[in-house]
Amino acid sequence: QVQLVESGGGLVQPGGSLRLSCAASGLTFSRYAMNWHRQPPGKGRELVAAITRAGDSSIYADSVKGRFTISRDNADNTVYLQMNNLKPEDTAVYFCQAVNGKDNYWGQGTQVTVSS
């Protein structure tokens, strides 16, 4: 079955960096666009970044532009989210999502906490 497993979350001080990974299995990874979403405490889920199947184009939420970078390795079935200059408002559970038309899969999420 399809599995998306996020890792790399944790506690970091403001201004710090984290790199999230999402390892995919059970699907043809290169056929799926990949997204990172986040859900802050008590709030709804929001799209943070998205990358095309080939990795040749990406988009970002305004709140993370210039600080976060999404990338993917189709040979390794993994998508990454490099997060720099983290702020307390980046605190959330981060989820990866694989999308191909009507096919839509989610990981279980990884917690990112930005606090001094």
N, C-alpha and C. Protein backbone atom coordinates (compact mmCIF):
# COMPACT_ATOMS: atom_id res chain seq x y z
N GLN A 1 0.83 -1.18 0.00
CA GLN A 1 0.00 0.00 0.00
C GLN A 1 0.88 1.25 0.00
N VAL A 2 0.27 2.38 -0.31
CA VAL A 2 1.00 3.63 -0.36
C VAL A 2 1.32 4.10 1.07
N GLN A 3 2.57 4.51 1.25
CA GLN A 3 2.97 5.08 2.53
C GLN A 3 3.80 6.33 2.28
N LEU A 4 3.49 7.36 3.03
CA LEU A 4 4.30 8.58 3.06
C LEU A 4 4.73 8.76 4.51
N VAL A 5 6.03 8.82 4.75
CA VAL A 5 6.54 8.90 6.11
C VAL A 5 7.41 10.15 6.25
N GLU A 6 6.93 11.08 7.06
CA GLU A 6 7.67 12.31 7.30
C GLU A 6 8.65 12.12 8.45
N SER A 7 9.74 12.86 8.39
CA SER A 7 10.71 12.86 9.48
C SER A 7 11.45 14.19 9.47
N GLY A 8 12.19 14.45 10.54
CA GLY A 8 13.02 15.64 10.61
C GLY A 8 12.46 16.76 11.46
N GLY A 9 11.26 16.58 11.99
CA GLY A 9 10.71 17.61 12.86
C GLY A 9 11.40 17.64 14.21
N GLY A 10 11.04 18.64 15.01
CA GLY A 10 11.62 18.75 16.34
C GLY A 10 11.47 20.14 16.89
N LEU A 11 12.22 20.39 17.96
CA LEU A 11 12.22 21.68 18.63
C LEU A 11 13.43 22.48 18.17
N VAL A 12 13.21 23.71 17.76
CA VAL A 12 14.30 24.56 17.29
C VAL A 12 14.07 25.98 17.78
N GLN A 13 15.14 26.71 18.01
CA GLN A 13 15.02 28.10 18.44
C GLN A 13 14.69 29.01 17.26
N PRO A 14 14.07 30.14 17.52
CA PRO A 14 13.82 31.10 16.44
C PRO A 14 15.12 31.45 15.71
N GLY A 15 15.03 31.51 14.39
CA GLY A 15 16.21 31.75 13.57
C GLY A 15 16.92 30.49 13.13
N GLY A 16 16.53 29.37 13.70
CA GLY A 16 17.18 28.11 13.37
C GLY A 16 16.63 27.48 12.10
N SER A 17 17.15 26.30 11.80
CA SER A 17 16.79 25.60 10.57
C SER A 17 16.43 24.15 10.87
N LEU A 18 15.58 23.61 10.03
CA LEU A 18 15.26 22.18 10.04
C LEU A 18 15.08 21.73 8.60
N ARG A 19 15.33 20.46 8.36
CA ARG A 19 15.06 19.87 7.05
C ARG A 19 14.12 18.70 7.23
N LEU A 20 12.93 18.82 6.68
CA LEU A 20 11.96 17.75 6.73
C LEU A 20 12.13 16.84 5.52
N SER A 21 11.90 15.57 5.73
CA SER A 21 11.92 14.59 4.65
C SER A 21 10.59 13.85 4.62
N CYS A 22 10.20 13.42 3.45
CA CYS A 22 9.00 12.59 3.28
C CYS A 22 9.36 11.47 2.33
N ALA A 23 9.45 10.28 2.85
CA ALA A 23 9.81 9.11 2.06
C ALA A 23 8.55 8.39 1.59
N ALA A 24 8.45 8.18 0.29
CA ALA A 24 7.26 7.57 -0.29
C ALA A 24 7.54 6.14 -0.73
N SER A 25 6.55 5.29 -0.59
CA SER A 25 6.63 3.91 -1.07
C SER A 25 5.25 3.47 -1.52
N GLY A 26 5.24 2.45 -2.39
CA GLY A 26 3.96 1.91 -2.85
C GLY A 26 3.32 2.68 -3.99
N LEU A 27 4.04 3.65 -4.56
CA LEU A 27 3.54 4.40 -5.70
C LEU A 27 4.69 4.73 -6.63
N THR A 28 4.36 5.12 -7.86
CA THR A 28 5.38 5.59 -8.80
C THR A 28 5.61 7.06 -8.52
N PHE A 29 6.61 7.31 -7.71
CA PHE A 29 6.80 8.64 -7.11
C PHE A 29 6.88 9.74 -8.16
N SER A 30 7.56 9.47 -9.26
CA SER A 30 7.78 10.52 -10.27
C SER A 30 6.49 10.93 -10.98
N ARG A 31 5.41 10.22 -10.79
CA ARG A 31 4.13 10.56 -11.40
C ARG A 31 3.28 11.46 -10.52
N TYR A 32 3.78 11.78 -9.33
CA TYR A 32 3.01 12.55 -8.38
C TYR A 32 3.64 13.91 -8.10
N ALA A 33 2.82 14.95 -8.19
CA ALA A 33 3.22 16.22 -7.62
C ALA A 33 3.23 16.06 -6.10
N MET A 34 4.10 16.79 -5.45
CA MET A 34 4.24 16.65 -4.00
C MET A 34 4.03 18.00 -3.32
N ASN A 35 3.29 17.96 -2.24
CA ASN A 35 3.00 19.17 -1.47
C ASN A 35 3.42 18.99 -0.02
N TRP A 36 3.76 20.10 0.60
CA TRP A 36 3.90 20.17 2.06
C TRP A 36 2.80 21.09 2.58
N HIS A 37 2.09 20.62 3.58
CA HIS A 37 1.08 21.39 4.27
C HIS A 37 1.49 21.49 5.74
N ARG A 38 0.86 22.40 6.46
CA ARG A 38 1.05 22.45 7.90
C ARG A 38 -0.24 22.82 8.59
N GLN A 39 -0.35 22.39 9.83
CA GLN A 39 -1.51 22.71 10.64
C GLN A 39 -1.04 23.24 11.99
N PRO A 40 -1.12 24.56 12.18
CA PRO A 40 -0.74 25.14 13.47
C PRO A 40 -1.74 24.73 14.55
N PRO A 41 -1.35 24.84 15.81
CA PRO A 41 -2.26 24.46 16.90
C PRO A 41 -3.57 25.26 16.82
N GLY A 42 -4.69 24.56 16.84
CA GLY A 42 -5.99 25.21 16.86
C GLY A 42 -6.42 25.84 15.55
N LYS A 43 -5.67 25.59 14.49
CA LYS A 43 -5.99 26.20 13.20
C LYS A 43 -6.16 25.13 12.12
N GLY A 44 -6.59 25.58 10.95
CA GLY A 44 -6.77 24.67 9.85
C GLY A 44 -5.47 24.37 9.12
N ARG A 45 -5.53 23.36 8.25
CA ARG A 45 -4.35 22.98 7.48
C ARG A 45 -4.16 23.96 6.33
N GLU A 46 -2.89 24.29 6.04
CA GLU A 46 -2.59 25.23 4.96
C GLU A 46 -1.46 24.69 4.10
N LEU A 47 -1.53 25.01 2.81
CA LEU A 47 -0.47 24.62 1.89
C LEU A 47 0.75 25.51 2.12
N VAL A 48 1.90 24.88 2.27
CA VAL A 48 3.16 25.60 2.49
C VAL A 48 3.96 25.69 1.19
N ALA A 49 4.10 24.56 0.50
CA ALA A 49 4.92 24.52 -0.70
C ALA A 49 4.49 23.35 -1.56
N ALA A 50 4.72 23.48 -2.86
CA ALA A 50 4.37 22.43 -3.80
C ALA A 50 5.44 22.33 -4.87
N ILE A 51 5.64 21.13 -5.39
CA ILE A 51 6.65 20.92 -6.43
C ILE A 51 6.08 19.99 -7.49
N THR A 52 6.44 20.26 -8.73
CA THR A 52 5.94 19.46 -9.84
C THR A 52 6.58 18.07 -9.85
N ARG A 53 6.06 17.20 -10.70
CA ARG A 53 6.54 15.82 -10.75
C ARG A 53 8.03 15.75 -11.10
N ALA A 54 8.44 16.59 -12.01
CA ALA A 54 9.85 16.58 -12.43
C ALA A 54 10.73 17.41 -11.51
N GLY A 55 10.12 18.17 -10.63
CA GLY A 55 10.89 19.04 -9.75
C GLY A 55 11.37 20.32 -10.40
N ASP A 56 10.76 20.68 -11.54
CA ASP A 56 11.25 21.84 -12.27
C ASP A 56 10.50 23.12 -11.96
N SER A 57 9.51 23.03 -11.09
CA SER A 57 8.77 24.22 -10.71
C SER A 57 8.21 24.04 -9.31
N SER A 58 8.13 25.13 -8.57
CA SER A 58 7.61 25.06 -7.21
C SER A 58 6.89 26.36 -6.87
N ILE A 59 6.02 26.28 -5.90
CA ILE A 59 5.32 27.46 -5.39
C ILE A 59 5.37 27.43 -3.87
N TYR A 60 5.19 28.61 -3.29
CA TYR A 60 5.27 28.75 -1.83
C TYR A 60 4.18 29.66 -1.31
N ALA A 61 3.76 29.40 -0.09
CA ALA A 61 2.91 30.35 0.61
C ALA A 61 3.70 31.63 0.86
N ASP A 62 3.01 32.75 0.83
CA ASP A 62 3.69 34.03 1.04
C ASP A 62 4.44 34.05 2.38
N SER A 63 3.89 33.39 3.37
CA SER A 63 4.47 33.44 4.72
C SER A 63 5.83 32.74 4.81
N VAL A 64 6.17 31.91 3.82
CA VAL A 64 7.42 31.17 3.90
C VAL A 64 8.37 31.48 2.74
N LYS A 65 7.94 32.30 1.79
CA LYS A 65 8.79 32.63 0.64
C LYS A 65 10.12 33.21 1.10
N GLY A 66 11.20 32.74 0.50
CA GLY A 66 12.53 33.21 0.85
C GLY A 66 13.13 32.51 2.04
N ARG A 67 12.34 31.71 2.76
CA ARG A 67 12.86 30.99 3.94
C ARG A 67 12.81 29.47 3.76
N PHE A 68 11.79 28.99 3.05
CA PHE A 68 11.62 27.55 2.85
C PHE A 68 11.94 27.18 1.41
N THR A 69 12.47 25.98 1.22
CA THR A 69 12.74 25.46 -0.12
C THR A 69 12.28 24.01 -0.20
N ILE A 70 11.44 23.74 -1.19
CA ILE A 70 10.99 22.37 -1.43
C ILE A 70 11.84 21.77 -2.55
N SER A 71 12.18 20.50 -2.40
CA SER A 71 12.95 19.80 -3.43
C SER A 71 12.56 18.33 -3.39
N ARG A 72 12.97 17.61 -4.41
CA ARG A 72 12.64 16.19 -4.47
C ARG A 72 13.76 15.41 -5.14
N ASP A 73 13.84 14.14 -4.80
CA ASP A 73 14.77 13.21 -5.41
C ASP A 73 13.96 12.04 -5.91
N ASN A 74 13.68 12.02 -7.20
CA ASN A 74 12.82 10.96 -7.75
C ASN A 74 13.52 9.60 -7.75
N ALA A 75 14.83 9.61 -7.70
CA ALA A 75 15.56 8.34 -7.62
C ALA A 75 15.45 7.72 -6.23
N ASP A 76 15.19 8.56 -5.25
CA ASP A 76 15.13 8.11 -3.86
C ASP A 76 13.72 8.18 -3.29
N ASN A 77 12.74 8.56 -4.15
CA ASN A 77 11.33 8.63 -3.72
C ASN A 77 11.14 9.49 -2.48
N THR A 78 11.81 10.64 -2.47
CA THR A 78 11.77 11.48 -1.28
C THR A 78 11.57 12.94 -1.68
N VAL A 79 10.75 13.63 -0.90
CA VAL A 79 10.60 15.07 -1.03
C VAL A 79 11.08 15.72 0.26
N TYR A 80 11.67 16.89 0.11
CA TYR A 80 12.27 17.59 1.25
C TYR A 80 11.65 18.97 1.41
N LEU A 81 11.75 19.47 2.63
CA LEU A 81 11.41 20.86 2.89
C LEU A 81 12.51 21.43 3.78
N GLN A 82 13.34 22.27 3.18
CA GLN A 82 14.39 22.95 3.94
C GLN A 82 13.78 24.22 4.52
N MET A 83 13.84 24.37 5.83
CA MET A 83 13.22 25.50 6.51
C MET A 83 14.30 26.28 7.24
N ASN A 84 14.51 27.51 6.82
CA ASN A 84 15.51 28.38 7.42
C ASN A 84 14.85 29.56 8.09
N ASN A 85 15.60 30.21 8.98
CA ASN A 85 15.10 31.40 9.69
C ASN A 85 13.71 31.15 10.26
N LEU A 86 13.59 30.07 10.98
CA LEU A 86 12.29 29.67 11.51
C LEU A 86 11.78 30.67 12.54
N LYS A 87 10.46 30.83 12.55
CA LYS A 87 9.79 31.76 13.44
C LYS A 87 8.80 31.00 14.32
N PRO A 88 8.44 31.55 15.47
CA PRO A 88 7.46 30.87 16.32
C PRO A 88 6.16 30.55 15.58
N GLU A 89 5.77 31.40 14.65
CA GLU A 89 4.53 31.15 13.92
C GLU A 89 4.64 30.00 12.92
N ASP A 90 5.83 29.45 12.74
CA ASP A 90 5.99 28.25 11.91
C ASP A 90 5.68 26.98 12.69
N THR A 91 5.44 27.11 13.98
CA THR A 91 5.10 25.95 14.80
C THR A 91 3.82 25.30 14.27
N ALA A 92 3.91 24.01 13.97
CA ALA A 92 2.78 23.29 13.37
C ALA A 92 3.16 21.83 13.20
N VAL A 93 2.14 21.03 12.88
CA VAL A 93 2.40 19.69 12.37
C VAL A 93 2.50 19.81 10.85
N TYR A 94 3.57 19.28 10.30
CA TYR A 94 3.83 19.36 8.87
C TYR A 94 3.52 18.02 8.21
N PHE A 95 2.76 18.09 7.12
CA PHE A 95 2.32 16.90 6.40
C PHE A 95 2.79 16.95 4.96
N CYS A 96 3.18 15.83 4.41
CA CYS A 96 3.41 15.77 2.97
C CYS A 96 2.21 15.10 2.31
N GLN A 97 2.01 15.45 1.05
CA GLN A 97 0.89 14.95 0.27
C GLN A 97 1.36 14.63 -1.13
N ALA A 98 0.93 13.50 -1.66
CA ALA A 98 1.21 13.10 -3.04
C ALA A 98 -0.09 13.23 -3.83
N VAL A 99 -0.02 13.89 -4.98
CA VAL A 99 -1.22 14.15 -5.78
C VAL A 99 -0.98 13.78 -7.24
N ASN A 100 -1.92 13.01 -7.78
CA ASN A 100 -1.93 12.73 -9.21
C ASN A 100 -3.37 12.59 -9.62
N GLY A 101 -3.94 13.68 -10.11
CA GLY A 101 -5.35 13.66 -10.47
C GLY A 101 -6.20 13.34 -9.25
N LYS A 102 -6.98 12.28 -9.36
CA LYS A 102 -7.86 11.91 -8.25
C LYS A 102 -7.14 11.16 -7.14
N ASP A 103 -5.92 10.68 -7.42
CA ASP A 103 -5.15 9.99 -6.39
C ASP A 103 -4.54 11.01 -5.45
N ASN A 104 -4.68 10.74 -4.16
CA ASN A 104 -4.32 11.75 -3.16
C ASN A 104 -3.94 11.01 -1.88
N TYR A 105 -2.67 11.14 -1.47
CA TYR A 105 -2.21 10.43 -0.29
C TYR A 105 -1.54 11.40 0.67
N TRP A 106 -1.67 11.09 1.97
CA TRP A 106 -1.11 11.94 3.02
C TRP A 106 -0.21 11.13 3.95
N GLY A 107 0.80 11.81 4.47
CA GLY A 107 1.60 11.23 5.53
C GLY A 107 0.94 11.49 6.88
N GLN A 108 1.58 10.99 7.94
CA GLN A 108 1.00 11.09 9.28
C GLN A 108 1.39 12.39 9.98
N GLY A 109 2.37 13.09 9.42
CA GLY A 109 2.76 14.38 9.98
C GLY A 109 3.97 14.30 10.90
N THR A 110 4.68 15.42 10.99
CA THR A 110 5.80 15.55 11.91
C THR A 110 5.71 16.92 12.58
N GLN A 111 5.94 16.94 13.89
CA GLN A 111 5.78 18.17 14.66
C GLN A 111 7.02 19.05 14.55
N VAL A 112 6.79 20.32 14.26
CA VAL A 112 7.85 21.33 14.29
C VAL A 112 7.45 22.37 15.33
N THR A 113 8.33 22.59 16.30
CA THR A 113 8.08 23.58 17.33
C THR A 113 9.22 24.58 17.34
N VAL A 114 8.88 25.85 17.17
CA VAL A 114 9.89 26.92 17.17
C VAL A 114 9.68 27.75 18.42
N SER A 115 10.64 27.65 19.33
CA SER A 115 10.49 28.31 20.62
C SER A 115 11.85 28.49 21.27
N SER A 116 11.97 29.57 22.02
CA SER A 116 13.21 29.79 22.77
C SER A 116 13.07 29.25 24.19
